[in-house]
PDB file of N, CA and C in Angstrom:
ATOM      1  N   UNK A   1     134.954 194.749 -18.853  1.00  0.00           N
ATOM      2  CA  UNK A   1     134.644 193.471 -18.233  1.00  0.00           C
ATOM      3  C   UNK A   1     133.149 193.441 -17.894  1.00  0.00           C
ATOM      4  N   UNK A   2     132.425 192.407 -18.298  1.00  0.00           N
ATOM      5  CA  UNK A   2     130.973 192.386 -18.064  1.00  0.00           C
ATOM      6  C   UNK A   2     130.601 192.146 -16.608  1.00  0.00           C
ATOM      7  N   UNK A   3     131.519 191.594 -15.817  1.00  0.00           N
ATOM      8  CA  UNK A   3     131.177 191.332 -14.427  1.00  0.00           C
ATOM      9  C   UNK A   3     131.028 192.621 -13.621  1.00  0.00           C
ATOM     10  N   UNK A   4     131.634 193.693 -14.079  1.00  0.00           N
ATOM     11  CA  UNK A   4     131.572 194.934 -13.328  1.00  0.00           C
ATOM     12  C   UNK A   4     130.309 195.735 -13.624  1.00  0.00           C
ATOM     13  N   UNK A   5     129.581 195.377 -14.646  1.00  0.00           N
ATOM     14  CA  UNK A   5     128.346 196.072 -14.974  1.00  0.00           C
ATOM     15  C   UNK A   5     127.192 195.365 -14.251  1.00  0.00           C
ATOM     16  N   UNK A   6     126.615 195.953 -13.199  1.00  0.00           N
ATOM     17  CA  UNK A   6     125.601 195.246 -12.415  1.00  0.00           C
ATOM     18  C   UNK A   6     124.208 195.234 -13.046  1.00  0.00           C
ATOM     19  N   UNK A   7     124.010 195.984 -14.113  1.00  0.00           N
ATOM     20  CA  UNK A   7     122.657 196.111 -14.656  1.00  0.00           C
ATOM     21  C   UNK A   7     122.050 194.775 -15.091  1.00  0.00           C
ATOM     22  N   UNK A   8     122.670 193.962 -15.946  1.00  0.00           N
ATOM     23  CA  UNK A   8     121.993 192.722 -16.345  1.00  0.00           C
ATOM     24  C   UNK A   8     121.956 191.692 -15.224  1.00  0.00           C
ATOM     25  N   UNK A   9     122.984 191.620 -14.398  1.00  0.00           N
ATOM     26  CA  UNK A   9     123.023 190.605 -13.356  1.00  0.00           C
ATOM     27  C   UNK A   9     122.032 190.913 -12.248  1.00  0.00           C
ATOM     28  N   UNK A  10     121.857 192.183 -11.935  1.00  0.00           N
ATOM     29  CA  UNK A  10     120.896 192.542 -10.899  1.00  0.00           C
ATOM     30  C   UNK A  10     119.475 192.228 -11.357  1.00  0.00           C
ATOM     31  N   UNK A  11     119.170 192.473 -12.609  1.00  0.00           N
ATOM     32  CA  UNK A  11     117.837 192.157 -13.137  1.00  0.00           C
ATOM     33  C   UNK A  11     117.594 190.654 -13.119  1.00  0.00           C
ATOM     34  N   UNK A  12     118.598 189.875 -13.466  1.00  0.00           N
ATOM     35  CA  UNK A  12     118.466 188.416 -13.431  1.00  0.00           C
ATOM     36  C   UNK A  12     118.265 187.942 -11.998  1.00  0.00           C
ATOM     37  N   UNK A  13     118.995 188.524 -11.072  1.00  0.00           N
ATOM     38  CA  UNK A  13     118.849 188.154  -9.657  1.00  0.00           C
ATOM     39  C   UNK A  13     117.442 188.450  -9.151  1.00  0.00           C
ATOM     40  N   UNK A  14     116.945 189.634  -9.428  1.00  0.00           N
ATOM     41  CA  UNK A  14     115.602 190.013  -8.966  1.00  0.00           C
ATOM     42  C   UNK A  14     114.536 189.140  -9.613  1.00  0.00           C
ATOM     43  N   UNK A  15     114.665 188.878 -10.897  1.00  0.00           N
ATOM     44  CA  UNK A  15     113.672 188.053 -11.585  1.00  0.00           C
ATOM     45  C   UNK A  15     113.680 186.619 -11.080  1.00  0.00           C
ATOM     46  N   UNK A  16     114.858 186.065 -10.821  1.00  0.00           N
ATOM     47  CA  UNK A  16     114.924 184.692 -10.320  1.00  0.00           C
ATOM     48  C   UNK A  16     114.334 184.593  -8.921  1.00  0.00           C
ATOM     49  N   UNK A  17     114.590 185.584  -8.039  1.00  0.00           N
ATOM     50  CA  UNK A  17     113.992 185.563  -6.712  1.00  0.00           C
ATOM     51  C   UNK A  17     112.480 185.761  -6.784  1.00  0.00           C
ATOM     52  N   UNK A  18     112.030 186.540  -7.733  1.00  0.00           N
ATOM     53  CA  UNK A  18     110.590 186.704  -7.919  1.00  0.00           C
ATOM     54  C   UNK A  18     109.943 185.368  -8.265  1.00  0.00           C
ATOM     55  N   UNK A  19     110.575 184.602  -9.133  1.00  0.00           N
ATOM     56  CA  UNK A  19     110.049 183.284  -9.497  1.00  0.00           C
ATOM     57  C   UNK A  19     110.084 182.346  -8.298  1.00  0.00           C
ATOM     58  N   UNK A  20     111.208 182.326  -7.577  1.00  0.00           N
ATOM     59  CA  UNK A  20     111.321 181.418  -6.438  1.00  0.00           C
ATOM     60  C   UNK A  20     110.341 181.749  -5.326  1.00  0.00           C
ATOM     61  N   UNK A  21     110.052 183.008  -5.134  1.00  0.00           N
ATOM     62  CA  UNK A  21     109.189 183.385  -4.014  1.00  0.00           C
ATOM     63  C   UNK A  21     107.703 183.425  -4.353  1.00  0.00           C
ATOM     64  N   UNK A  22     107.335 183.416  -5.629  1.00  0.00           N
ATOM     65  CA  UNK A  22     105.918 183.489  -5.969  1.00  0.00           C
ATOM     66  C   UNK A  22     105.405 182.219  -6.644  1.00  0.00           C
ATOM     67  N   UNK A  23     106.074 181.753  -7.653  1.00  0.00           N
ATOM     68  CA  UNK A  23     105.546 180.629  -8.420  1.00  0.00           C
ATOM     69  C   UNK A  23     105.864 179.275  -7.796  1.00  0.00           C
ATOM     70  N   UNK A  24     107.062 179.102  -7.307  1.00  0.00           N
ATOM     71  CA  UNK A  24     107.457 177.795  -6.780  1.00  0.00           C
ATOM     72  C   UNK A  24     106.655 177.409  -5.535  1.00  0.00           C
ATOM     73  N   UNK A  25     106.456 178.280  -4.525  1.00  0.00           N
ATOM     74  CA  UNK A  25     105.647 177.864  -3.373  1.00  0.00           C
ATOM     75  C   UNK A  25     104.213 177.503  -3.749  1.00  0.00           C
ATOM     76  N   UNK A  26     103.623 178.183  -4.732  1.00  0.00           N
ATOM     77  CA  UNK A  26     102.269 177.848  -5.150  1.00  0.00           C
ATOM     78  C   UNK A  26     102.230 176.446  -5.754  1.00  0.00           C
ATOM     79  N   UNK A  27     103.245 176.100  -6.534  1.00  0.00           N
ATOM     80  CA  UNK A  27     103.299 174.768  -7.122  1.00  0.00           C
ATOM     81  C   UNK A  27     103.479 173.705  -6.051  1.00  0.00           C
ATOM     82  N   UNK A  28     104.278 173.989  -5.053  1.00  0.00           N
ATOM     83  CA  UNK A  28     104.537 173.004  -4.003  1.00  0.00           C
ATOM     84  C   UNK A  28     103.300 172.827  -3.123  1.00  0.00           C
ATOM     85  N   UNK A  29     102.595 173.910  -2.825  1.00  0.00           N
ATOM     86  CA  UNK A  29     101.434 173.816  -1.944  1.00  0.00           C
ATOM     87  C   UNK A  29     100.239 173.134  -2.605  1.00  0.00           C
ATOM     88  N   UNK A  30     100.209 173.059  -3.928  1.00  0.00           N
ATOM     89  CA  UNK A  30      99.088 172.409  -4.595  1.00  0.00           C
ATOM     90  C   UNK A  30      99.273 170.904  -4.726  1.00  0.00           C
ATOM     91  N   UNK A  31     100.411 170.384  -4.282  1.00  0.00           N
ATOM     92  CA  UNK A  31     100.621 168.936  -4.357  1.00  0.00           C
ATOM     93  C   UNK A  31      99.665 168.212  -3.415  1.00  0.00           C
ATOM     94  N   UNK A  32      99.179 167.088  -3.849  1.00  0.00           N
ATOM     95  CA  UNK A  32      98.286 166.273  -3.036  1.00  0.00           C
ATOM     96  C   UNK A  32      99.042 165.014  -2.638  1.00  0.00           C
ATOM     97  N   UNK A  33      99.059 164.738  -1.372  1.00  0.00           N
ATOM     98  CA  UNK A  33      99.752 163.566  -0.877  1.00  0.00           C
ATOM     99  C   UNK A  33      98.795 162.384  -0.843  1.00  0.00           C
ATOM    100  N   UNK A  34      99.256 161.239  -1.269  1.00  0.00           N
ATOM    101  CA  UNK A  34      98.406 160.056  -1.318  1.00  0.00           C
ATOM    102  C   UNK A  34      98.124 159.494   0.065  1.00  0.00           C
ATOM    103  N   UNK A  35      99.094 159.462   0.924  1.00  0.00           N
ATOM    104  CA  UNK A  35      98.931 158.857   2.243  1.00  0.00           C
ATOM    105  C   UNK A  35      98.807 159.948   3.297  1.00  0.00           C
ATOM    106  N   UNK A  36      97.595 160.187   3.725  1.00  0.00           N
ATOM    107  CA  UNK A  36      97.384 161.163   4.788  1.00  0.00           C
ATOM    108  C   UNK A  36      97.751 160.509   6.117  1.00  0.00           C
ATOM    109  N   UNK A  37      98.416 161.230   6.999  1.00  0.00           N
ATOM    110  CA  UNK A  37      98.779 160.637   8.291  1.00  0.00           C
ATOM    111  C   UNK A  37      97.536 160.412   9.145  1.00  0.00           C
ATOM    112  N   UNK A  38      97.500 159.293   9.803  1.00  0.00           N
ATOM    113  CA  UNK A  38      96.364 158.990  10.670  1.00  0.00           C
ATOM    114  C   UNK A  38      96.641 159.561  12.049  1.00  0.00           C
ATOM    115  N   UNK A  39      95.630 160.114  12.698  1.00  0.00           N
ATOM    116  CA  UNK A  39      95.861 160.652  14.045  1.00  0.00           C
ATOM    117  C   UNK A  39      96.127 159.525  15.029  1.00  0.00           C
ATOM    118  N   UNK A  40      96.970 159.806  15.986  1.00  0.00           N
ATOM    119  CA  UNK A  40      97.294 158.810  17.004  1.00  0.00           C
ATOM    120  C   UNK A  40      96.121 158.592  17.944  1.00  0.00           C
ATOM    121  N   UNK A  41      96.206 157.535  18.694  1.00  0.00           N
ATOM    122  CA  UNK A  41      95.149 157.229  19.653  1.00  0.00           C
ATOM    123  C   UNK A  41      95.081 158.337  20.704  1.00  0.00           C
ATOM    124  N   UNK A  42      93.860 158.654  21.148  1.00  0.00           N
ATOM    125  CA  UNK A  42      93.689 159.714  22.136  1.00  0.00           C
ATOM    126  C   UNK A  42      94.301 159.306  23.473  1.00  0.00           C
ATOM    127  N   UNK A  43      94.102 158.045  23.849  1.00  0.00           N
ATOM    128  CA  UNK A  43      94.674 157.549  25.098  1.00  0.00           C
ATOM    129  C   UNK A  43      95.825 156.625  24.767  1.00  0.00           C
ATOM    130  N   UNK A  44      96.918 156.844  25.451  1.00  0.00           N
ATOM    131  CA  UNK A  44      98.047 155.949  25.255  1.00  0.00           C
ATOM    132  C   UNK A  44      97.853 154.723  26.138  1.00  0.00           C
ATOM    133  N   UNK A  45      98.252 153.589  25.593  1.00  0.00           N
ATOM    134  CA  UNK A  45      98.125 152.354  26.371  1.00  0.00           C
ATOM    135  C   UNK A  45      99.081 152.407  27.555  1.00  0.00           C
ATOM    136  N   UNK A  46      98.561 152.030  28.713  1.00  0.00           N
ATOM    137  CA  UNK A  46      99.380 152.045  29.910  1.00  0.00           C
ATOM    138  C   UNK A  46     100.176 150.743  29.958  1.00  0.00           C
ATOM    139  N   UNK A  47     101.475 150.812  30.075  1.00  0.00           N
ATOM    140  CA  UNK A  47     102.245 149.567  30.120  1.00  0.00           C
ATOM    141  C   UNK A  47     101.992 148.827  31.427  1.00  0.00           C
ATOM    142  N   UNK A  48     101.941 147.523  31.317  1.00  0.00           N
ATOM    143  CA  UNK A  48     101.717 146.708  32.510  1.00  0.00           C
ATOM    144  C   UNK A  48     102.956 146.679  33.386  1.00  0.00           C
ATOM    145  N   UNK A  49     102.747 146.323  34.627  1.00  0.00           N
ATOM    146  CA  UNK A  49     103.888 146.260  35.539  1.00  0.00           C
ATOM    147  C   UNK A  49     104.694 145.010  35.251  1.00  0.00           C
ATOM    148  N   UNK A  50     105.957 145.040  35.586  1.00  0.00           N
ATOM    149  CA  UNK A  50     106.829 143.908  35.358  1.00  0.00           C
ATOM    150  C   UNK A  50     106.729 142.961  36.560  1.00  0.00           C
ATOM    151  N   UNK A  51     106.584 141.699  36.262  1.00  0.00           N
ATOM    152  CA  UNK A  51     106.480 140.706  37.306  1.00  0.00           C
ATOM    153  C   UNK A  51     107.794 139.945  37.435  1.00  0.00           C
ATOM    154  N   UNK A  52     108.895 140.630  37.479  1.00  0.00           N
ATOM    155  CA  UNK A  52     110.191 139.987  37.572  1.00  0.00           C
ATOM    156  C   UNK A  52     110.545 139.792  39.041  1.00  0.00           C
ATOM    157  N   UNK A  53     111.106 138.649  39.331  1.00  0.00           N
ATOM    158  CA  UNK A  53     111.583 138.459  40.717  1.00  0.00           C
ATOM    159  C   UNK A  53     112.849 139.309  40.945  1.00  0.00           C
ATOM    160  N   UNK A  54     112.877 140.041  42.023  1.00  0.00           N
ATOM    161  CA  UNK A  54     113.988 140.949  42.273  1.00  0.00           C
ATOM    162  C   UNK A  54     115.017 140.348  43.240  1.00  0.00           C
ATOM    163  N   UNK A  55     114.924 139.056  43.509  1.00  0.00           N
ATOM    164  CA  UNK A  55     115.923 138.453  44.419  1.00  0.00           C
ATOM    165  C   UNK A  55     116.884 137.584  43.688  1.00  0.00           C
TER     166      UNK A  55
END
């Protein structure tokens, strides 16, 4: 039964993890995003007080 022989499957496992851990992150990190996020305002606007009648 070929499933009991770990030699080819272990090599495939190691090689696939090598690809996932070395080549794929480099490809993902080189992507350039078109819309850069704009920084938020340094001061947040203070909300005005409510002028509701409480009676």
